[in-house]
Amino acid sequence: MKLCLVSVLLSATIANAQTALPTEYPEGAVALNGDVIREQLAGKTYTLKPADGTTWRLEFKADGYAFLDTSRGYRDSGKWRIDVNNWCIELQKSGLACSELRRKGDVFYYRRISNGEIVPMTVR
């Protein structure tokens, strides 16, 4: 009985560790100002990889429109803009979210409003 309980607790601990969301920006990731963010996003498409294993494709049109497609079939679109030093995106289904954007090397990182997860973004 004790062995079974230890096994269940160990399994739960391992599962918890595997699903832990990164909630801190990587060390050395530098916050970007609004002008740099606009320059880096406008007219580009990014691949995002949240911890849940999905892959997102996020396209930022230079005219302020954005399109989101995920590997699970979710699609959304709307407008994006810069608000001081944050990038904001207001999608039709998902609503408004604003976040600081940081960069370390060629990778950008943003914090998801829904759960605080730090998500890496790479240009396609």
Protein backbone atom coordinates (compact mmCIF):
# COMPACT_ATOMS: atom_id res chain seq x y z
CA MET A 1 0.00 0.00 0.00
CA LYS A 2 2.82 2.43 0.90
CA LEU A 3 4.63 1.68 -2.35
CA CYS A 4 1.46 2.36 -4.34
CA LEU A 5 0.94 5.73 -2.59
CA VAL A 6 4.57 6.71 -3.18
CA SER A 7 4.21 5.78 -6.85
CA VAL A 8 1.06 7.93 -7.21
CA LEU A 9 2.70 10.90 -5.48
CA LEU A 10 5.85 10.56 -7.59
CA SER A 11 3.81 10.38 -10.80
CA ALA A 12 1.85 13.50 -9.80
CA THR A 13 5.08 15.35 -8.98
CA ILE A 14 6.66 14.43 -12.32
CA ALA A 15 3.51 15.43 -14.23
CA ASN A 16 3.42 18.75 -12.38
CA ALA A 17 7.06 19.45 -13.21
CA GLN A 18 6.48 18.72 -16.89
CA THR A 19 3.52 21.10 -17.15
CA ALA A 20 5.04 23.96 -15.17
CA LEU A 21 4.76 27.15 -17.19
CA PRO A 22 7.74 29.45 -17.56
CA THR A 23 6.62 32.69 -15.89
CA GLU A 24 9.91 34.62 -15.90
CA TYR A 25 11.61 36.13 -18.92
CA PRO A 26 14.94 34.45 -19.69
CA GLU A 27 17.94 36.02 -18.00
CA GLY A 28 19.38 38.67 -20.27
CA ALA A 29 16.17 39.21 -22.26
CA VAL A 30 15.94 42.96 -22.96
CA ALA A 31 12.69 44.95 -22.99
CA LEU A 32 12.02 46.69 -26.30
CA ASN A 33 10.59 50.15 -26.85
CA GLY A 34 7.51 50.80 -28.97
CA ASP A 35 9.37 51.88 -32.13
CA VAL A 36 11.56 48.76 -32.09
CA ILE A 37 8.54 46.53 -31.45
CA ARG A 38 6.66 48.03 -34.41
CA GLU A 39 9.72 47.57 -36.64
CA GLN A 40 10.14 43.94 -35.54
CA LEU A 41 6.48 42.94 -35.94
CA ALA A 42 5.14 44.86 -38.95
CA GLY A 43 5.00 42.74 -42.08
CA LYS A 44 6.39 39.64 -40.39
CA THR A 45 5.10 36.21 -39.40
CA TYR A 46 6.15 34.50 -36.18
CA THR A 47 6.03 30.97 -34.85
CA LEU A 48 5.11 30.73 -31.17
CA LYS A 49 5.53 27.67 -28.99
CA PRO A 50 3.56 27.69 -25.73
CA ALA A 51 4.28 25.04 -23.09
CA ASP A 52 1.09 23.11 -23.94
CA GLY A 53 2.77 21.70 -27.06
CA THR A 54 0.80 23.62 -29.67
CA THR A 55 2.40 25.73 -32.36
CA TRP A 56 0.97 29.11 -33.30
CA ARG A 57 1.46 31.11 -36.46
CA LEU A 58 0.97 34.83 -35.85
CA GLU A 59 1.13 37.17 -38.82
CA PHE A 60 1.43 40.93 -38.29
CA LYS A 61 0.44 42.94 -41.36
CA ALA A 62 2.04 46.37 -41.73
CA ASP A 63 -1.46 47.93 -41.91
CA GLY A 64 -2.27 46.85 -38.34
CA TYR A 65 -4.13 43.59 -38.96
CA ALA A 66 -3.08 40.29 -37.43
CA PHE A 67 -3.93 36.65 -38.13
CA LEU A 68 -3.53 33.72 -35.73
CA ASP A 69 -3.59 30.01 -36.65
CA THR A 70 -2.73 27.20 -34.24
CA SER A 71 -1.77 23.58 -34.75
CA ARG A 72 -5.06 22.62 -33.04
CA GLY A 73 -7.13 24.35 -35.71
CA TYR A 74 -7.97 27.55 -33.81
CA ARG A 75 -8.08 30.64 -36.03
CA ASP A 76 -8.63 34.27 -35.16
CA SER A 77 -7.92 37.70 -36.60
CA GLY A 78 -8.06 41.32 -35.55
CA LYS A 79 -5.91 44.39 -35.08
CA TRP A 80 -2.55 44.95 -33.47
CA ARG A 81 -0.95 48.17 -32.27
CA ILE A 82 1.76 49.59 -30.06
CA ASP A 83 0.72 51.16 -26.75
CA VAL A 84 3.75 53.06 -25.40
CA ASN A 85 6.22 50.15 -24.98
CA ASN A 86 3.76 47.25 -25.15
CA TRP A 87 2.30 45.48 -28.13
CA CYS A 88 -1.43 44.99 -28.05
CA ILE A 89 -3.54 42.66 -30.10
CA GLU A 90 -7.33 42.69 -30.19
CA LEU A 91 -8.59 39.53 -31.83
CA GLN A 92 -12.26 38.98 -32.69
CA LYS A 93 -12.67 35.80 -30.58
CA SER A 94 -9.94 36.22 -27.98
CA GLY A 95 -10.34 39.90 -27.13
CA LEU A 96 -7.70 42.45 -26.15
CA ALA A 97 -4.32 41.57 -24.69
CA CYS A 98 -1.25 43.79 -24.23
CA SER A 99 2.21 42.63 -23.26
CA GLU A 100 5.79 43.75 -22.95
CA LEU A 101 8.00 42.25 -25.64
CA ARG A 102 11.56 41.25 -24.81
CA ARG A 103 14.37 39.90 -26.95
CA LYS A 104 17.31 37.65 -26.30
CA GLY A 105 19.34 36.95 -29.42
CA ASP A 106 16.98 36.24 -32.30
CA VAL A 107 14.10 35.14 -30.05
CA PHE A 108 11.34 37.40 -28.76
CA TYR A 109 9.33 36.64 -25.62
CA TYR A 110 5.96 37.85 -24.42
CA ARG A 111 3.82 37.14 -21.36
CA ARG A 112 0.39 35.62 -22.00
CA ILE A 113 -2.29 37.54 -20.15
CA SER A 114 -4.42 34.42 -19.63
CA ASN A 115 -1.91 32.48 -17.52
CA GLY A 116 1.33 34.49 -17.16
CA GLU A 117 3.31 32.09 -19.34
CA ILE A 118 6.38 33.49 -21.11
CA VAL A 119 6.15 32.35 -24.74
CA PRO A 120 9.03 32.39 -27.24
CA MET A 121 8.42 33.88 -30.71
CA THR A 122 10.70 33.29 -33.69
CA VAL A 123 10.38 34.94 -37.08
CA ARG A 124 9.50 32.52 -39.88
